[in-house]
Amino acid sequence: MKYPKKVSIGDITVRDGFQHEEQFIPTEAKIWLAEELILSGFKKIELTNFGNPKGMPQFKDSDELMKGLHKSKKVGHLMSEIETTAVTIRERAIDRAIEAKKEGWGPDRILLMVSTSEAHHRKNSGISLDEYWKMSEEYIKKATDAGIKVNGTVSTIWGCPIKGPTDPKKALEFTKRWLDIGATDVEHADHDGSASPDRVYDYFSMILDAIPDTTKHIAHFHTTRGWGNANVLAALQAGITHYEATMGGIGGQPANFVSGVPVAGTGAYYYKDPSLVGLVSMEDMVVMMDEMGIDTGVDINRVLKTGAMVERIVGRTLRSETVKTGRIPKELSGRR
C-alpha cells in the first residue's frame, strides 16, 4: 500500500473540541492548550468561533483568547509562523474577524461552511444554500482583501444526521464551487460519523482525480461509530495529506447547555447520548501515522502529555487509547 511520506495536521481542539463541552472551559486553559499545541509543533490551530456568543457561550472569550495568545510570553514570538483559524459562519462574524485582523490579533484564516443537506445547512447557518453561496462570494473577497485566508467546508458528504443518506458527488460540486469563488482550501467533513472507510477511499479518489492539488483538501472525520482512524487510513490510501483532529477525540455539535444554563446552540442534539459523539483522537492518529513511517511534524511525546492534561481540563477520561497505553516501545516495533 502506498501512503504519503509526510502529512500536515491541524489541531482544532480549542474550537471544535471544546464547543461540545457543557461546562465553560476557562480562557486561561484554552490559552495554555494553544501554547502547548504550538510548542508541540502544530503550525495550524483552530481557536474559536466569532459568531454570536449568546447561542454558543463557550466562545464568549474569543477576543480575550486571541489577544492573549498573541501576547503570550511562551509563544508570542512564534505567532508569525502559525496559521490561526476562527469559524465565521455568517456576515457579522466575518466582519469581526476582519476588524481583529486590522488590529493585529485577528485570525489568519476563517472558516465558512455549507452542507450538501439543505436541512443541515439551514440549521447551522439560518439561511438557504442559495443565500449562503451569494453571501460567501461577497465576503470571501472582503476577507481576502484584508489578508485573511478562507476555508470552505463541505459537510454531510456521506450522510446527514437529520435527513439521512446524501450523494457524495454533490460534495465534489460544492468543492469546485468553493475554489472557484476564492476559497484557499476545502475541509471535507464527516460531521456525524456516518462515513465508512470504503466510501472515504472512493470519495477522496474522486476528489483528487478532479482536483489533484493535495494542499487544497483537508480530511475531517468524526468517530461516532468508532471508524475514525479507519477512515484516516482510507484517506491516506487515496493520497490525502492534510488532516485535522482533536485531543481525546472530543467535539461535535455545539453544546445547548453550558455551565448550568440552557442555551440555543444549534438546537436539539442529534443523538440520545451526546457523550458518544466526537472527532478522531489526535493522539491516536499521530501515533498511528508515526508507526506507519509518516512524518507528522509534531513532537508525539509532548502531544501525549498534552492529551493527558486535556482530560484534567475537561474533568473526565477521553477517547484516546494511546494516552492510556502510551506509544509502542521502539525495541518492540523494530523501529528506531
Protein backbone atom coordinates (compact mmCIF):
# COMPACT_ATOMS: atom_id res chain seq x y z
CA MET A 1 0.00 0.00 0.00
CA LYS A 2 1.19 3.50 -0.78
CA TYR A 3 0.86 6.33 1.71
CA PRO A 4 2.13 9.90 1.79
CA LYS A 5 5.55 10.18 3.44
CA LYS A 6 4.63 13.43 5.14
CA VAL A 7 1.36 14.99 6.25
CA SER A 8 0.14 18.34 7.58
CA ILE A 9 -2.03 18.21 10.69
CA GLY A 10 -4.15 20.98 12.17
CA ASP A 11 -5.39 20.82 15.75
CA ILE A 12 -8.95 22.02 16.30
CA THR A 13 -9.42 21.12 19.98
CA VAL A 14 -9.77 24.66 21.30
CA ARG A 15 -12.69 25.34 18.95
CA ASP A 16 -14.34 22.15 17.72
CA GLY A 17 -13.30 20.08 20.71
CA PHE A 18 -14.46 22.47 23.40
CA GLN A 19 -17.64 23.59 21.61
CA HIS A 20 -19.38 20.39 22.68
CA GLU A 21 -18.43 20.73 26.35
CA GLU A 22 -21.29 21.54 28.71
CA GLN A 23 -19.01 23.41 31.11
CA PHE A 24 -17.28 26.65 30.16
CA ILE A 25 -13.58 26.00 29.69
CA PRO A 26 -11.58 28.81 31.35
CA THR A 27 -9.85 31.15 28.92
CA GLU A 28 -6.55 30.54 30.68
CA ALA A 29 -6.90 26.82 29.98
CA LYS A 30 -7.62 27.48 26.32
CA ILE A 31 -4.54 29.70 26.03
CA TRP A 32 -2.43 27.10 27.84
CA LEU A 33 -3.57 24.40 25.44
CA ALA A 34 -2.95 26.57 22.37
CA GLU A 35 0.56 27.31 23.66
CA GLU A 36 1.25 23.62 24.20
CA LEU A 37 -0.01 22.76 20.73
CA ILE A 38 2.33 25.33 19.18
CA LEU A 39 5.26 24.08 21.25
CA SER A 40 4.39 20.53 20.16
CA GLY A 41 4.94 21.55 16.56
CA PHE A 42 1.44 22.24 15.25
CA LYS A 43 1.53 25.01 12.67
CA LYS A 44 -2.23 25.20 12.16
CA ILE A 45 -4.65 25.72 15.06
CA GLU A 46 -8.38 26.42 15.08
CA LEU A 47 -9.07 28.61 18.08
CA THR A 48 -12.60 29.98 18.33
CA ASN A 49 -15.90 30.93 16.74
CA PHE A 50 -16.63 34.61 16.11
CA GLY A 51 -20.38 34.04 15.98
CA ASN A 52 -22.90 35.39 18.49
CA PRO A 53 -21.86 34.05 21.92
CA LYS A 54 -25.46 34.13 23.20
CA GLY A 55 -26.09 30.88 21.36
CA MET A 56 -22.63 29.42 21.96
CA PRO A 57 -21.21 30.90 25.18
CA GLN A 58 -18.17 28.64 25.01
CA PHE A 59 -16.84 31.32 22.64
CA LYS A 60 -17.72 34.42 24.63
CA ASP A 61 -13.99 34.86 25.26
CA SER A 62 -12.92 34.82 21.61
CA ASP A 63 -11.33 38.26 21.69
CA GLU A 64 -9.58 37.67 25.01
CA LEU A 65 -8.30 34.29 23.80
CA MET A 66 -6.90 35.60 20.53
CA LYS A 67 -5.30 38.64 22.14
CA GLY A 68 -3.88 36.57 24.97
CA LEU A 69 -2.21 34.13 22.62
CA HIS A 70 -0.57 36.90 20.63
CA LYS A 71 0.74 38.42 23.88
CA SER A 72 1.93 35.06 25.23
CA LYS A 73 5.43 35.04 26.67
CA LYS A 74 5.74 31.37 25.71
CA VAL A 75 4.71 31.54 22.06
CA GLY A 76 4.03 35.17 21.14
CA HIS A 77 7.30 35.29 19.19
CA LEU A 78 6.20 32.24 17.19
CA MET A 79 2.81 33.53 16.07
CA SER A 80 4.11 34.72 12.69
CA GLU A 81 4.84 31.05 11.92
CA ILE A 82 1.40 29.80 12.98
CA GLU A 83 -1.84 29.84 10.99
CA THR A 84 -4.75 30.54 13.32
CA THR A 85 -8.34 29.90 12.26
CA ALA A 86 -11.67 31.20 13.54
CA VAL A 87 -15.08 29.94 12.49
CA THR A 88 -17.18 32.69 10.92
CA ILE A 89 -20.42 31.22 9.63
CA ARG A 90 -22.22 34.49 8.96
CA GLU A 91 -21.54 38.10 7.92
CA ARG A 92 -21.13 39.72 11.34
CA ALA A 93 -18.60 37.12 12.37
CA ILE A 94 -16.57 37.71 9.21
CA ASP A 95 -16.67 41.47 9.81
CA ARG A 96 -15.41 40.87 13.36
CA ALA A 97 -12.53 38.77 12.05
CA ILE A 98 -11.57 41.44 9.52
CA GLU A 99 -11.54 44.16 12.17
CA ALA A 100 -9.49 41.99 14.52
CA LYS A 101 -7.01 41.29 11.74
CA LYS A 102 -6.62 45.02 11.15
CA GLU A 103 -5.88 45.42 14.86
CA GLY A 104 -3.11 42.84 14.70
CA TRP A 105 -4.58 39.94 16.67
CA GLY A 106 -7.20 38.51 14.35
CA PRO A 107 -7.19 35.11 12.65
CA ASP A 108 -5.04 34.28 9.66
CA ARG A 109 -7.82 32.13 8.24
CA ILE A 110 -11.58 31.95 8.64
CA LEU A 111 -13.98 29.10 8.04
CA LEU A 112 -17.27 29.23 6.13
CA MET A 113 -19.47 26.17 5.88
CA VAL A 114 -22.04 24.60 3.60
CA SER A 115 -23.77 21.24 3.91
CA THR A 116 -24.89 19.14 0.98
CA SER A 117 -28.05 18.58 3.02
CA GLU A 118 -30.26 21.67 2.86
CA ALA A 119 -31.80 20.80 6.24
CA HIS A 120 -28.42 20.53 7.99
CA HIS A 121 -27.14 23.66 6.27
CA ARG A 122 -30.13 25.76 7.30
CA LYS A 123 -29.84 24.53 10.90
CA ASN A 124 -26.18 25.61 11.03
CA SER A 125 -26.43 28.91 9.17
CA GLY A 126 -30.06 30.00 9.42
CA ILE A 127 -30.34 30.65 5.68
CA SER A 128 -30.73 28.63 2.49
CA LEU A 129 -27.84 27.27 0.45
CA ASP A 130 -28.54 29.72 -2.39
CA GLU A 131 -28.45 32.64 0.03
CA TYR A 132 -25.27 31.35 1.63
CA TRP A 133 -23.39 30.96 -1.65
CA LYS A 134 -24.30 34.51 -2.58
CA MET A 135 -23.07 35.79 0.80
CA SER A 136 -19.88 33.77 0.54
CA GLU A 137 -18.92 35.20 -2.85
CA GLU A 138 -19.12 38.72 -1.42
CA TYR A 139 -17.40 38.02 1.88
CA ILE A 140 -14.58 35.83 0.58
CA LYS A 141 -13.43 38.83 -1.42
CA LYS A 142 -13.67 41.09 1.64
CA ALA A 143 -11.67 38.67 3.76
CA THR A 144 -9.05 38.08 1.09
CA ASP A 145 -8.62 41.82 0.60
CA ALA A 146 -7.95 42.06 4.35
CA GLY A 147 -5.21 39.43 4.12
CA ILE A 148 -7.25 36.56 5.55
CA LYS A 149 -7.35 33.09 4.01
CA VAL A 150 -10.74 31.42 3.70
CA ASN A 151 -11.58 27.78 4.20
CA GLY A 152 -14.75 26.50 2.61
CA THR A 153 -16.07 23.49 4.49
CA VAL A 154 -18.33 20.91 2.88
CA SER A 155 -20.37 18.92 5.38
CA THR A 156 -22.79 15.95 5.28
CA ILE A 157 -20.74 14.39 2.48
CA TRP A 158 -21.56 10.82 3.46
CA GLY A 159 -24.80 11.39 5.35
CA CYS A 160 -26.94 13.87 7.25
CA PRO A 161 -27.93 13.35 10.91
CA ILE A 162 -31.28 14.99 10.11
CA LYS A 163 -32.26 13.60 6.70
CA GLY A 164 -30.08 10.51 6.26
CA PRO A 165 -28.01 9.45 3.20
CA THR A 166 -26.54 12.07 0.84
CA ASP A 167 -24.84 11.97 -2.57
CA PRO A 168 -21.03 12.46 -2.36
CA LYS A 169 -21.00 13.75 -5.95
CA LYS A 170 -22.77 16.86 -4.71
CA ALA A 171 -19.81 17.45 -2.38
CA LEU A 172 -17.46 17.43 -5.37
CA GLU A 173 -19.64 20.07 -6.98
CA PHE A 174 -19.51 22.18 -3.80
CA THR A 175 -15.73 21.72 -3.54
CA LYS A 176 -15.22 23.07 -7.03
CA ARG A 177 -17.55 25.95 -6.27
CA TRP A 178 -15.62 26.94 -3.12
CA LEU A 179 -12.35 27.03 -5.02
CA ASP A 180 -13.91 28.87 -7.96
CA ILE A 181 -15.11 31.71 -5.71
CA GLY A 182 -11.77 32.12 -3.98
CA ALA A 183 -11.53 29.74 -1.02
CA THR A 184 -7.96 28.86 -0.11
CA ASP A 185 -8.75 25.26 0.78
CA VAL A 186 -11.67 22.93 1.44
CA GLU A 187 -12.44 20.90 4.55
CA HIS A 188 -14.19 17.67 3.64
CA ALA A 189 -16.20 16.87 6.76
CA ASP A 190 -17.91 13.81 8.10
CA HIS A 191 -19.67 15.67 10.90
CA ASP A 192 -21.80 12.81 12.17
CA GLY A 193 -19.52 9.81 11.80
CA SER A 194 -21.54 8.20 9.01
CA ALA A 195 -18.64 7.65 6.59
CA SER A 196 -17.28 4.13 6.17
CA PRO A 197 -13.69 3.51 5.01
CA ASP A 198 -14.60 2.15 1.57
CA ARG A 199 -16.70 5.23 0.78
CA VAL A 200 -13.99 7.53 2.17
CA TYR A 201 -11.45 5.98 -0.19
CA ASP A 202 -13.83 6.23 -3.16
CA TYR A 203 -14.72 9.83 -2.34
CA PHE A 204 -11.21 11.15 -1.95
CA SER A 205 -10.07 9.25 -5.03
CA MET A 206 -12.82 11.06 -6.93
CA ILE A 207 -11.82 14.39 -5.39
CA LEU A 208 -8.12 14.01 -6.25
CA ASP A 209 -8.93 12.87 -9.78
CA ALA A 210 -10.86 16.10 -10.26
CA ILE A 211 -8.63 18.43 -8.18
CA PRO A 212 -5.22 16.78 -7.70
CA ASP A 213 -3.59 19.56 -5.66
CA THR A 214 -3.47 17.92 -2.21
CA THR A 215 -2.88 21.26 -0.45
CA LYS A 216 -6.49 22.17 -1.29
CA HIS A 217 -8.06 19.31 0.67
CA ILE A 218 -8.40 18.66 4.41
CA ALA A 219 -9.93 15.49 5.84
CA HIS A 220 -12.15 15.93 8.92
CA PHE A 221 -13.59 12.78 10.50
CA HIS A 222 -15.78 12.07 13.47
CA THR A 223 -15.63 8.73 15.20
CA THR A 224 -19.20 8.42 16.46
CA ARG A 225 -19.27 4.77 15.46
CA GLY A 226 -15.60 4.01 16.09
CA TRP A 227 -14.41 4.25 12.48
CA GLY A 228 -12.39 7.45 12.75
CA ASN A 229 -8.85 6.16 12.29
CA ALA A 230 -10.03 3.56 9.79
CA ASN A 231 -11.27 6.49 7.72
CA VAL A 232 -7.94 8.29 8.19
CA LEU A 233 -6.21 5.19 6.82
CA ALA A 234 -8.58 5.12 3.84
CA ALA A 235 -7.89 8.80 3.12
CA LEU A 236 -4.14 8.17 3.34
CA GLN A 237 -4.50 5.36 0.81
CA ALA A 238 -6.34 7.74 -1.51
CA GLY A 239 -3.46 10.23 -1.23
CA ILE A 240 -4.82 12.91 1.14
CA THR A 241 -2.03 14.74 3.00
CA HIS A 242 -3.89 17.27 5.21
CA TYR A 243 -5.82 16.25 8.33
CA GLU A 244 -7.32 17.73 11.47
CA ALA A 245 -8.39 16.23 14.78
CA THR A 246 -8.92 16.95 18.49
CA MET A 247 -7.22 15.88 21.67
CA GLY A 248 -9.01 12.89 23.15
CA GLY A 249 -11.44 12.87 20.24
CA ILE A 250 -13.69 15.47 21.88
CA GLY A 251 -16.01 17.76 19.98
CA GLY A 252 -19.14 17.72 17.92
CA GLN A 253 -22.36 19.68 17.78
CA PRO A 254 -22.24 22.91 19.84
CA ALA A 255 -23.49 22.38 23.37
CA ASN A 256 -27.03 23.51 24.15
CA PHE A 257 -26.34 23.55 27.89
CA VAL A 258 -23.26 25.36 29.27
CA SER A 259 -22.28 25.75 32.94
CA GLY A 260 -25.78 25.08 34.21
CA VAL A 261 -27.59 27.27 31.70
CA PRO A 262 -29.70 26.03 28.74
CA VAL A 263 -28.58 27.84 25.55
CA ALA A 264 -29.56 27.75 21.91
CA GLY A 265 -26.51 26.04 20.43
CA THR A 266 -27.72 24.64 17.12
CA GLY A 267 -30.82 23.17 18.69
CA ALA A 268 -31.59 19.69 19.98
CA TYR A 269 -28.73 17.19 19.97
CA TYR A 270 -28.69 14.73 17.08
CA TYR A 271 -28.11 11.76 19.39
CA LYS A 272 -29.76 10.40 22.53
CA ASP A 273 -26.38 10.27 24.24
CA PRO A 274 -24.30 13.32 23.23
CA SER A 275 -21.25 11.92 25.04
CA LEU A 276 -20.86 9.38 22.25
CA VAL A 277 -20.05 11.90 19.54
CA GLY A 278 -16.56 13.19 18.87
CA LEU A 279 -13.76 13.56 16.37
CA VAL A 280 -10.76 11.39 15.61
CA SER A 281 -8.38 11.31 18.58
CA MET A 282 -5.33 13.43 17.72
CA GLU A 283 -3.08 11.37 19.97
CA ASP A 284 -4.07 8.06 18.41
CA MET A 285 -3.86 9.43 14.88
CA VAL A 286 -0.33 10.82 15.16
CA VAL A 287 0.94 7.70 16.93
CA MET A 288 -0.57 5.52 14.21
CA MET A 289 0.98 7.65 11.47
CA ASP A 290 4.35 7.59 13.22
CA GLU A 291 4.25 3.78 13.37
CA MET A 292 3.50 3.80 9.64
CA GLY A 293 6.62 5.88 9.00
CA ILE A 294 4.68 9.02 8.09
CA ASP A 295 6.21 12.33 9.18
CA THR A 296 3.62 14.34 11.14
CA GLY A 297 5.93 17.20 12.07
CA VAL A 298 4.88 17.12 15.74
CA ASP A 299 6.52 16.04 18.99
CA ILE A 300 4.43 12.96 19.71
CA ASN A 301 5.58 12.51 23.31
CA ARG A 302 4.56 16.09 24.07
CA VAL A 303 1.24 15.55 22.30
CA LEU A 304 0.51 12.59 24.60
CA LYS A 305 1.38 14.62 27.70
CA THR A 306 -0.85 17.44 26.48
CA GLY A 307 -3.67 14.99 25.83
CA ALA A 308 -3.46 13.73 29.40
CA MET A 309 -3.76 17.32 30.64
CA VAL A 310 -6.80 17.94 28.43
CA GLU A 311 -8.51 15.10 30.31
CA ARG A 312 -7.89 17.02 33.52
CA ILE A 313 -9.16 20.26 31.96
CA VAL A 314 -12.49 18.71 30.95
CA GLY A 315 -12.67 16.52 34.04
CA ARG A 316 -13.05 13.05 32.57
CA THR A 317 -11.27 10.26 30.71
CA LEU A 318 -11.38 10.83 26.95
CA ARG A 319 -11.28 8.59 23.91
CA SER A 320 -7.54 8.38 23.35
CA GLU A 321 -6.19 4.86 23.69
CA THR A 322 -2.57 6.00 23.42
CA VAL A 323 -2.90 8.44 26.32
CA LYS A 324 -3.77 5.36 28.40
CA THR A 325 -1.31 2.87 26.88
CA GLY A 326 1.50 5.06 25.55
CA ARG A 327 3.46 4.54 22.36
CA ILE A 328 4.81 1.19 21.20
CA PRO A 329 8.37 0.85 22.52
CA LYS A 330 10.75 1.12 19.59
CA GLU A 331 12.51 -2.11 20.55
CA LEU A 332 9.17 -3.90 20.06
CA SER A 333 8.22 -2.21 16.81
CA GLY A 334 11.65 -2.73 15.25
CA ARG A 335 11.91 0.99 14.52
CA ARG A 336 14.47 3.38 15.95
